[in-house]
């Protein structure tokens, strides 16, 4: 059911906050009654699923896709610009292919910088993955230099979907 008229019977979207609200009392979904004016949606407790989900007539919808649909009438893949999966403000959403969306991913939590690997020799290797292929960017004396090499390559290959390393503090 991706019919805007049907969805808009149940929900209103606030683009400035990214929240959805029940427009009228909605039928029971997942053992819970939704009341008019109440904020719609829930987040999974699992870290890998931080997206807000809204269930309508027993069908789950991701709130970011609903928001894009409400604003444009287009049902498509949507990217969170700031990578915060529960930030569904209109200014934080953009249409993206699956490939573009994956380019905007945050680096691994077990590493200090994205695209940087530390060798036992003390050197830092910079690399970037483009279309499933890993490209070697060089060896560097510091993690910051390797991270900078990654950032430059990310701009070249990913453009506005590039996710940069944070500067050391």
N, C-alpha and C. Protein backbone atom coordinates (compact mmCIF):
# COMPACT_ATOMS: atom_id res chain seq x y z
N UNK A 1 0.85 -1.19 0.00
CA UNK A 1 0.00 0.00 0.00
C UNK A 1 0.89 1.24 0.00
N UNK A 2 1.19 1.75 -1.16
CA UNK A 2 1.91 3.03 -1.20
C UNK A 2 1.02 4.05 -1.89
N UNK A 3 -0.13 4.24 -1.33
CA UNK A 3 -1.10 5.18 -1.85
C UNK A 3 -1.14 6.36 -0.88
N UNK A 4 -0.68 7.51 -1.35
CA UNK A 4 -0.59 8.70 -0.49
C UNK A 4 -1.93 9.06 0.13
N UNK A 5 -3.00 8.94 -0.63
CA UNK A 5 -4.33 9.27 -0.11
C UNK A 5 -4.69 8.37 1.08
N UNK A 6 -4.40 7.08 0.94
CA UNK A 6 -4.70 6.14 2.02
C UNK A 6 -3.82 6.40 3.24
N UNK A 7 -2.51 6.63 3.01
CA UNK A 7 -1.60 6.91 4.12
C UNK A 7 -1.97 8.21 4.82
N UNK A 8 -2.34 9.22 4.05
CA UNK A 8 -2.64 10.52 4.64
C UNK A 8 -3.96 10.52 5.41
N UNK A 9 -4.76 9.46 5.28
CA UNK A 9 -5.96 9.33 6.13
C UNK A 9 -5.56 9.12 7.58
N UNK A 10 -4.41 8.48 7.79
CA UNK A 10 -3.98 8.13 9.14
C UNK A 10 -2.93 9.07 9.73
N UNK A 11 -2.09 9.67 8.88
CA UNK A 11 -0.92 10.37 9.39
C UNK A 11 -0.80 11.80 8.89
N UNK A 12 -0.14 12.63 9.70
CA UNK A 12 0.35 13.93 9.25
C UNK A 12 1.86 13.94 9.52
N UNK A 13 2.57 14.66 8.69
CA UNK A 13 4.04 14.72 8.79
C UNK A 13 4.44 16.15 9.10
N UNK A 14 5.33 16.33 10.07
CA UNK A 14 5.88 17.64 10.42
C UNK A 14 7.31 17.70 9.87
N UNK A 15 7.52 18.35 8.71
CA UNK A 15 8.83 18.34 8.07
C UNK A 15 9.95 18.96 8.90
N UNK A 16 9.62 19.93 9.75
CA UNK A 16 10.65 20.61 10.54
C UNK A 16 11.18 19.74 11.68
N UNK A 17 10.36 18.81 12.19
CA UNK A 17 10.81 17.92 13.27
C UNK A 17 11.08 16.50 12.78
N UNK A 18 10.45 16.13 11.67
CA UNK A 18 10.59 14.77 11.14
C UNK A 18 9.66 13.77 11.80
N UNK A 19 8.74 14.25 12.62
CA UNK A 19 7.83 13.36 13.32
C UNK A 19 6.52 13.19 12.55
N UNK A 20 5.93 12.02 12.72
CA UNK A 20 4.59 11.75 12.21
C UNK A 20 3.63 11.70 13.38
N UNK A 21 2.39 12.11 13.13
CA UNK A 21 1.35 12.09 14.16
C UNK A 21 0.12 11.43 13.59
N UNK A 22 -0.59 10.71 14.47
CA UNK A 22 -1.83 10.07 14.04
C UNK A 22 -2.88 11.15 13.82
N UNK A 23 -3.50 11.12 12.67
CA UNK A 23 -4.49 12.11 12.29
C UNK A 23 -5.84 11.83 12.94
N UNK A 24 -6.14 10.56 13.08
CA UNK A 24 -7.38 10.15 13.73
C UNK A 24 -7.10 8.86 14.47
N UNK A 25 -8.00 8.47 15.31
CA UNK A 25 -7.83 7.20 16.00
C UNK A 25 -7.67 6.10 14.96
N UNK A 26 -6.60 5.36 15.06
CA UNK A 26 -6.30 4.32 14.08
C UNK A 26 -6.61 2.95 14.67
N UNK A 27 -6.85 1.98 13.82
CA UNK A 27 -7.16 0.64 14.33
C UNK A 27 -5.96 0.04 15.04
N UNK A 28 -6.22 -1.02 15.80
CA UNK A 28 -5.15 -1.70 16.53
C UNK A 28 -4.10 -2.22 15.56
N UNK A 29 -2.84 -1.95 15.86
CA UNK A 29 -1.71 -2.50 15.13
C UNK A 29 -0.71 -2.94 16.18
N UNK A 30 -0.22 -4.14 16.08
CA UNK A 30 0.77 -4.64 17.05
C UNK A 30 0.27 -4.50 18.48
N UNK A 31 -1.00 -4.79 18.71
CA UNK A 31 -1.61 -4.79 20.04
C UNK A 31 -1.65 -3.41 20.69
N UNK A 32 -1.61 -2.35 19.91
CA UNK A 32 -1.62 -1.01 20.50
C UNK A 32 -2.57 -0.11 19.73
N UNK A 33 -3.41 0.63 20.44
CA UNK A 33 -4.33 1.56 19.80
C UNK A 33 -3.62 2.90 19.64
N UNK A 34 -3.75 3.48 18.47
CA UNK A 34 -3.12 4.78 18.18
C UNK A 34 -4.18 5.87 18.29
N UNK A 35 -3.88 6.89 19.08
CA UNK A 35 -4.84 7.95 19.32
C UNK A 35 -4.49 9.20 18.53
N UNK A 36 -5.53 9.93 18.16
CA UNK A 36 -5.36 11.17 17.40
C UNK A 36 -4.40 12.11 18.13
N UNK A 37 -3.44 12.68 17.38
CA UNK A 37 -2.48 13.62 17.93
C UNK A 37 -1.25 12.97 18.55
N UNK A 38 -1.30 11.67 18.80
CA UNK A 38 -0.18 10.94 19.38
C UNK A 38 0.91 10.76 18.31
N UNK A 39 2.18 10.85 18.76
CA UNK A 39 3.29 10.65 17.82
C UNK A 39 3.31 9.20 17.35
N UNK A 40 3.49 9.03 16.06
CA UNK A 40 3.49 7.69 15.45
C UNK A 40 4.91 7.18 15.31
N UNK A 41 5.05 5.87 15.39
CA UNK A 41 6.33 5.25 15.11
C UNK A 41 7.02 4.70 16.33
N UNK A 42 7.95 3.80 16.08
CA UNK A 42 8.75 3.17 17.13
C UNK A 42 10.12 2.84 16.57
N UNK A 43 11.09 2.74 17.48
CA UNK A 43 12.46 2.36 17.12
C UNK A 43 12.79 1.03 17.75
N UNK A 44 13.44 0.18 16.99
CA UNK A 44 13.88 -1.10 17.52
C UNK A 44 14.99 -0.86 18.54
N UNK A 45 15.10 -1.72 19.51
CA UNK A 45 16.17 -1.62 20.51
C UNK A 45 17.51 -2.09 19.94
N UNK A 46 17.47 -2.80 18.83
CA UNK A 46 18.70 -3.32 18.23
C UNK A 46 19.45 -2.20 17.53
N UNK A 47 20.74 -2.08 17.82
CA UNK A 47 21.58 -1.01 17.28
C UNK A 47 21.56 -0.96 15.76
N UNK A 48 21.49 -2.10 15.12
CA UNK A 48 21.54 -2.14 13.66
C UNK A 48 20.23 -1.70 13.02
N UNK A 49 19.19 -1.50 13.82
CA UNK A 49 17.89 -1.13 13.26
C UNK A 49 17.35 0.13 13.95
N UNK A 50 18.08 1.21 13.87
CA UNK A 50 17.67 2.45 14.52
C UNK A 50 16.65 3.25 13.73
N UNK A 51 16.15 2.69 12.64
CA UNK A 51 15.15 3.40 11.85
C UNK A 51 13.82 3.46 12.60
N UNK A 52 13.07 4.54 12.39
CA UNK A 52 11.73 4.65 12.95
C UNK A 52 10.78 3.91 12.00
N UNK A 53 9.93 3.07 12.57
CA UNK A 53 8.97 2.28 11.80
C UNK A 53 7.57 2.65 12.23
N UNK A 54 6.67 2.78 11.26
CA UNK A 54 5.27 3.07 11.53
C UNK A 54 4.45 1.96 10.89
N UNK A 55 3.56 1.35 11.67
CA UNK A 55 2.73 0.26 11.16
C UNK A 55 1.33 0.77 10.89
N UNK A 56 0.88 0.57 9.64
CA UNK A 56 -0.46 0.99 9.24
C UNK A 56 -1.16 -0.22 8.63
N UNK A 57 -2.31 -0.57 9.19
CA UNK A 57 -3.07 -1.73 8.73
C UNK A 57 -2.18 -2.96 8.64
N UNK A 58 -1.39 -3.18 9.68
CA UNK A 58 -0.49 -4.33 9.84
C UNK A 58 0.66 -4.36 8.85
N UNK A 59 0.91 -3.26 8.16
CA UNK A 59 2.03 -3.17 7.23
C UNK A 59 3.06 -2.17 7.76
N UNK A 60 4.32 -2.61 7.98
CA UNK A 60 5.35 -1.69 8.51
C UNK A 60 5.95 -0.82 7.42
N UNK A 61 6.17 0.45 7.75
CA UNK A 61 6.80 1.42 6.85
C UNK A 61 7.93 2.12 7.58
N UNK A 62 9.04 2.34 6.92
CA UNK A 62 10.12 3.13 7.48
C UNK A 62 9.72 4.60 7.36
N UNK A 63 9.86 5.35 8.45
CA UNK A 63 9.40 6.73 8.50
C UNK A 63 10.12 7.62 7.49
N UNK A 64 11.42 7.38 7.23
CA UNK A 64 12.13 8.23 6.29
C UNK A 64 11.58 8.07 4.88
N UNK A 65 11.18 6.86 4.52
CA UNK A 65 10.59 6.65 3.20
C UNK A 65 9.19 7.27 3.13
N UNK A 66 8.44 7.16 4.23
CA UNK A 66 7.12 7.80 4.30
C UNK A 66 7.25 9.32 4.17
N UNK A 67 8.23 9.91 4.86
CA UNK A 67 8.43 11.36 4.82
C UNK A 67 8.70 11.82 3.39
N UNK A 68 9.58 11.12 2.71
CA UNK A 68 9.90 11.48 1.33
C UNK A 68 8.65 11.35 0.45
N UNK A 69 7.88 10.29 0.69
CA UNK A 69 6.65 10.07 -0.05
C UNK A 69 5.63 11.18 0.21
N UNK A 70 5.48 11.58 1.47
CA UNK A 70 4.53 12.64 1.81
C UNK A 70 4.92 13.96 1.14
N UNK A 71 6.21 14.23 1.05
CA UNK A 71 6.68 15.51 0.51
C UNK A 71 6.73 15.54 -1.02
N UNK A 72 6.97 14.39 -1.66
CA UNK A 72 7.18 14.38 -3.11
C UNK A 72 6.18 13.54 -3.88
N UNK A 73 5.52 12.61 -3.20
CA UNK A 73 4.65 11.67 -3.90
C UNK A 73 5.42 10.53 -4.56
N UNK A 74 6.71 10.45 -4.29
CA UNK A 74 7.56 9.42 -4.89
C UNK A 74 7.97 8.40 -3.82
N UNK A 75 7.80 7.13 -4.13
CA UNK A 75 8.22 6.05 -3.24
C UNK A 75 9.57 5.55 -3.74
N UNK A 76 10.63 5.81 -2.98
CA UNK A 76 11.97 5.51 -3.47
C UNK A 76 12.93 5.22 -2.32
N UNK A 77 14.16 4.87 -2.66
CA UNK A 77 15.24 4.70 -1.69
C UNK A 77 15.60 6.09 -1.14
N UNK A 78 15.80 6.20 0.17
CA UNK A 78 16.06 7.50 0.81
C UNK A 78 17.29 7.40 1.69
N UNK A 79 18.11 8.44 1.68
CA UNK A 79 19.34 8.51 2.46
C UNK A 79 19.20 9.59 3.53
N UNK A 80 19.71 9.30 4.73
CA UNK A 80 19.82 10.32 5.79
C UNK A 80 21.16 11.02 5.60
N UNK A 81 21.15 12.30 5.33
CA UNK A 81 22.37 13.04 5.03
C UNK A 81 23.35 12.98 6.20
N UNK A 82 22.85 13.12 7.43
CA UNK A 82 23.73 13.11 8.60
C UNK A 82 23.96 11.71 9.17
N UNK A 83 23.47 10.70 8.49
CA UNK A 83 23.61 9.28 8.87
C UNK A 83 22.90 8.91 10.17
N UNK A 84 22.07 9.79 10.71
CA UNK A 84 21.29 9.46 11.91
C UNK A 84 19.95 8.90 11.45
N UNK A 85 19.78 7.60 11.65
CA UNK A 85 18.64 6.88 11.10
C UNK A 85 17.29 7.29 11.67
N UNK A 86 17.27 7.96 12.80
CA UNK A 86 16.00 8.39 13.38
C UNK A 86 15.74 9.88 13.17
N UNK A 87 16.58 10.56 12.39
CA UNK A 87 16.41 11.98 12.09
C UNK A 87 15.70 12.12 10.74
N UNK A 88 14.39 12.21 10.79
CA UNK A 88 13.58 12.21 9.58
C UNK A 88 13.07 13.60 9.19
N UNK A 89 13.82 14.63 9.60
CA UNK A 89 13.48 15.98 9.16
C UNK A 89 13.67 16.07 7.65
N UNK A 90 12.81 16.81 6.99
CA UNK A 90 12.85 16.91 5.53
C UNK A 90 14.21 17.39 5.03
N UNK A 91 14.84 18.32 5.72
CA UNK A 91 16.14 18.83 5.25
C UNK A 91 17.26 17.81 5.39
N UNK A 92 17.02 16.69 6.08
CA UNK A 92 18.02 15.65 6.28
C UNK A 92 17.83 14.46 5.33
N UNK A 93 16.83 14.51 4.48
CA UNK A 93 16.53 13.39 3.59
C UNK A 93 16.82 13.74 2.14
N UNK A 94 17.30 12.74 1.39
CA UNK A 94 17.53 12.92 -0.05
C UNK A 94 17.34 11.57 -0.73
N UNK A 95 16.91 11.65 -1.96
CA UNK A 95 16.77 10.44 -2.76
C UNK A 95 18.16 9.90 -3.07
N UNK A 96 18.32 8.59 -3.02
CA UNK A 96 19.62 7.97 -3.27
C UNK A 96 19.43 6.55 -3.78
N UNK A 97 20.33 6.13 -4.63
CA UNK A 97 20.35 4.73 -5.01
C UNK A 97 20.94 3.93 -3.85
N UNK A 98 20.83 2.62 -3.91
CA UNK A 98 21.41 1.77 -2.86
C UNK A 98 22.92 2.01 -2.78
N UNK A 99 23.56 2.16 -3.94
CA UNK A 99 25.01 2.37 -3.99
C UNK A 99 25.38 3.71 -3.35
N UNK A 100 24.62 4.77 -3.68
CA UNK A 100 24.89 6.08 -3.09
C UNK A 100 24.68 6.06 -1.59
N UNK A 101 23.64 5.38 -1.15
CA UNK A 101 23.34 5.28 0.27
C UNK A 101 24.47 4.58 1.02
N UNK A 102 25.05 3.55 0.44
CA UNK A 102 26.14 2.83 1.12
C UNK A 102 27.41 3.67 1.19
N UNK A 103 27.58 4.60 0.29
CA UNK A 103 28.77 5.46 0.31
C UNK A 103 28.74 6.43 1.48
N UNK A 104 27.58 6.72 1.98
CA UNK A 104 27.40 7.67 3.07
C UNK A 104 27.50 6.99 4.43
N UNK A 105 27.86 5.73 4.45
CA UNK A 105 27.96 4.98 5.70
C UNK A 105 29.03 5.52 6.62
N UNK A 106 28.78 5.43 7.91
CA UNK A 106 29.76 5.82 8.91
C UNK A 106 30.79 4.70 9.01
N UNK A 107 32.03 5.05 9.35
CA UNK A 107 33.10 4.05 9.47
C UNK A 107 32.84 3.05 10.57
N UNK A 108 33.63 1.98 10.57
CA UNK A 108 33.48 0.93 11.59
C UNK A 108 33.81 1.49 12.97
N UNK A 109 33.08 1.03 13.96
CA UNK A 109 33.26 1.55 15.31
C UNK A 109 34.54 1.05 15.97
N UNK A 110 35.12 -0.04 15.45
CA UNK A 110 36.34 -0.57 16.05
C UNK A 110 37.60 0.07 15.48
N UNK A 111 37.41 1.03 14.58
CA UNK A 111 38.56 1.72 14.00
C UNK A 111 38.41 3.22 14.22
N UNK A 112 39.55 3.88 14.34
CA UNK A 112 39.54 5.31 14.60
C UNK A 112 39.13 6.12 13.37
N UNK A 113 39.58 5.68 12.18
CA UNK A 113 39.28 6.39 10.95
C UNK A 113 38.74 5.44 9.89
N UNK A 114 37.87 5.96 9.05
CA UNK A 114 37.33 5.20 7.94
C UNK A 114 38.39 5.09 6.85
N UNK A 115 38.57 3.89 6.28
CA UNK A 115 39.52 3.71 5.20
C UNK A 115 40.97 3.66 5.63
N UNK A 116 41.22 3.40 6.91
CA UNK A 116 42.60 3.38 7.43
C UNK A 116 42.81 2.07 8.20
N UNK A 117 43.95 1.43 7.92
CA UNK A 117 44.31 0.20 8.63
C UNK A 117 45.72 0.36 9.19
N UNK A 118 45.89 0.01 10.46
CA UNK A 118 47.19 0.15 11.14
C UNK A 118 47.94 -1.18 11.09
N UNK A 119 49.16 -1.13 10.55
CA UNK A 119 50.01 -2.32 10.50
C UNK A 119 50.93 -2.38 11.71
N UNK A 120 51.38 -3.58 12.02
CA UNK A 120 52.31 -3.78 13.16
C UNK A 120 53.61 -3.01 12.95
N UNK A 121 53.96 -2.74 11.72
CA UNK A 121 55.19 -2.01 11.42
C UNK A 121 55.13 -0.57 11.88
N UNK A 122 53.92 -0.11 12.21
CA UNK A 122 53.74 1.28 12.62
C UNK A 122 53.17 2.14 11.51
N UNK A 123 53.14 1.65 10.30
CA UNK A 123 52.60 2.40 9.15
C UNK A 123 51.08 2.28 9.12
N UNK A 124 50.47 3.25 8.45
CA UNK A 124 49.02 3.27 8.29
C UNK A 124 48.70 3.19 6.80
N UNK A 125 47.88 2.23 6.42
CA UNK A 125 47.49 2.06 5.02
C UNK A 125 46.14 2.72 4.80
N UNK A 126 46.05 3.52 3.74
CA UNK A 126 44.77 4.13 3.36
C UNK A 126 44.23 3.36 2.17
N UNK A 127 42.92 3.12 2.19
CA UNK A 127 42.26 2.43 1.08
C UNK A 127 40.82 2.91 0.98
N UNK A 128 40.22 2.68 -0.18
CA UNK A 128 38.82 3.03 -0.38
C UNK A 128 38.19 1.95 -1.24
N UNK A 129 36.94 1.63 -0.94
CA UNK A 129 36.21 0.66 -1.74
C UNK A 129 35.27 1.41 -2.68
N UNK A 130 35.38 1.12 -3.96
CA UNK A 130 34.53 1.73 -4.97
C UNK A 130 33.95 0.61 -5.83
N UNK A 131 32.64 0.52 -5.88
CA UNK A 131 31.96 -0.52 -6.66
C UNK A 131 32.48 -1.92 -6.32
N UNK A 132 32.71 -2.18 -5.04
CA UNK A 132 33.14 -3.48 -4.58
C UNK A 132 34.62 -3.76 -4.73
N UNK A 133 35.35 -2.85 -5.34
CA UNK A 133 36.79 -3.01 -5.54
C UNK A 133 37.55 -2.15 -4.54
N UNK A 134 38.52 -2.75 -3.88
CA UNK A 134 39.34 -2.00 -2.93
C UNK A 134 40.52 -1.37 -3.66
N UNK A 135 40.72 -0.07 -3.45
CA UNK A 135 41.81 0.68 -4.07
C UNK A 135 42.79 1.14 -3.00
N UNK A 136 44.06 0.78 -3.20
CA UNK A 136 45.13 1.15 -2.27
C UNK A 136 45.50 2.62 -2.51
N UNK A 137 45.55 3.41 -1.44
CA UNK A 137 45.86 4.84 -1.56
C UNK A 137 47.26 5.19 -1.06
N UNK A 138 47.91 4.25 -0.41
CA UNK A 138 49.27 4.49 0.05
C UNK A 138 49.48 4.16 1.51
N UNK A 139 50.76 4.20 1.91
CA UNK A 139 51.15 4.00 3.30
C UNK A 139 51.58 5.34 3.88
N UNK A 140 51.24 5.58 5.14
CA UNK A 140 51.51 6.87 5.77
C UNK A 140 52.07 6.67 7.17
N UNK A 141 52.77 7.69 7.64
CA UNK A 141 53.39 7.63 8.97
C UNK A 141 52.37 7.82 10.09
N UNK A 142 51.29 8.55 9.81
CA UNK A 142 50.28 8.80 10.84
C UNK A 142 48.89 8.42 10.34
N UNK A 143 48.01 8.11 11.28
CA UNK A 143 46.63 7.78 10.94
C UNK A 143 45.93 8.98 10.32
N UNK A 144 46.26 10.18 10.79
CA UNK A 144 45.63 11.39 10.27
C UNK A 144 45.97 11.61 8.79
N UNK A 145 47.23 11.33 8.41
CA UNK A 145 47.62 11.47 6.99
C UNK A 145 46.87 10.46 6.13
N UNK A 146 46.76 9.23 6.61
CA UNK A 146 46.03 8.20 5.87
C UNK A 146 44.55 8.56 5.76
N UNK A 147 43.98 9.09 6.84
CA UNK A 147 42.57 9.51 6.83
C UNK A 147 42.35 10.64 5.84
N UNK A 148 43.29 11.55 5.76
CA UNK A 148 43.20 12.66 4.79
C UNK A 148 43.23 12.12 3.36
N UNK A 149 44.06 11.12 3.09
CA UNK A 149 44.11 10.51 1.76
C UNK A 149 42.77 9.86 1.43
N UNK A 150 42.17 9.19 2.41
CA UNK A 150 40.85 8.60 2.21
C UNK A 150 39.82 9.68 1.88
N UNK A 151 39.82 10.78 2.65
CA UNK A 151 38.85 11.86 2.45
C UNK A 151 38.94 12.44 1.04
N UNK A 152 40.15 12.64 0.54
CA UNK A 152 40.35 13.17 -0.81
C UNK A 152 39.79 12.20 -1.85
N UNK A 153 40.07 10.92 -1.67
CA UNK A 153 39.55 9.91 -2.59
C UNK A 153 38.03 9.81 -2.51
N UNK A 154 37.47 9.97 -1.32
CA UNK A 154 36.02 9.91 -1.16
C UNK A 154 35.34 11.03 -1.92
N UNK A 155 35.91 12.22 -1.88
CA UNK A 155 35.35 13.35 -2.65
C UNK A 155 35.35 13.01 -4.13
N UNK A 156 36.45 12.49 -4.61
CA UNK A 156 36.60 12.15 -6.03
C UNK A 156 35.59 11.08 -6.46
N UNK A 157 35.44 10.03 -5.66
CA UNK A 157 34.62 8.90 -6.07
C UNK A 157 33.15 9.01 -5.67
N UNK A 158 32.85 9.66 -4.55
CA UNK A 158 31.49 9.65 -4.02
C UNK A 158 30.78 10.99 -4.07
N UNK A 159 31.50 12.09 -4.31
CA UNK A 159 30.87 13.40 -4.40
C UNK A 159 30.09 13.77 -3.16
N UNK A 160 28.84 14.20 -3.34
CA UNK A 160 28.04 14.66 -2.20
C UNK A 160 27.66 13.54 -1.23
N UNK A 161 27.89 12.29 -1.61
CA UNK A 161 27.59 11.18 -0.72
C UNK A 161 28.81 10.73 0.09
N UNK A 162 29.92 11.44 -0.04
CA UNK A 162 31.13 11.09 0.70
C UNK A 162 30.94 11.32 2.20
N UNK A 163 31.44 10.40 3.00
CA UNK A 163 31.44 10.53 4.45
C UNK A 163 32.90 10.66 4.87
N UNK A 164 33.22 11.77 5.54
CA UNK A 164 34.60 12.07 5.87
C UNK A 164 34.97 11.62 7.28
N UNK A 165 36.25 11.47 7.49
CA UNK A 165 36.78 11.17 8.82
C UNK A 165 36.73 12.43 9.68
N UNK A 166 36.50 12.24 10.98
CA UNK A 166 36.49 13.37 11.90
C UNK A 166 37.93 13.78 12.20
N UNK A 167 38.14 15.05 12.38
CA UNK A 167 39.48 15.56 12.72
C UNK A 167 39.83 15.15 14.14
N UNK A 168 41.11 14.84 14.35
CA UNK A 168 41.59 14.47 15.68
C UNK A 168 41.51 15.69 16.60
N UNK A 169 41.18 15.44 17.85
CA UNK A 169 41.04 16.56 18.80
C UNK A 169 42.21 16.67 19.74
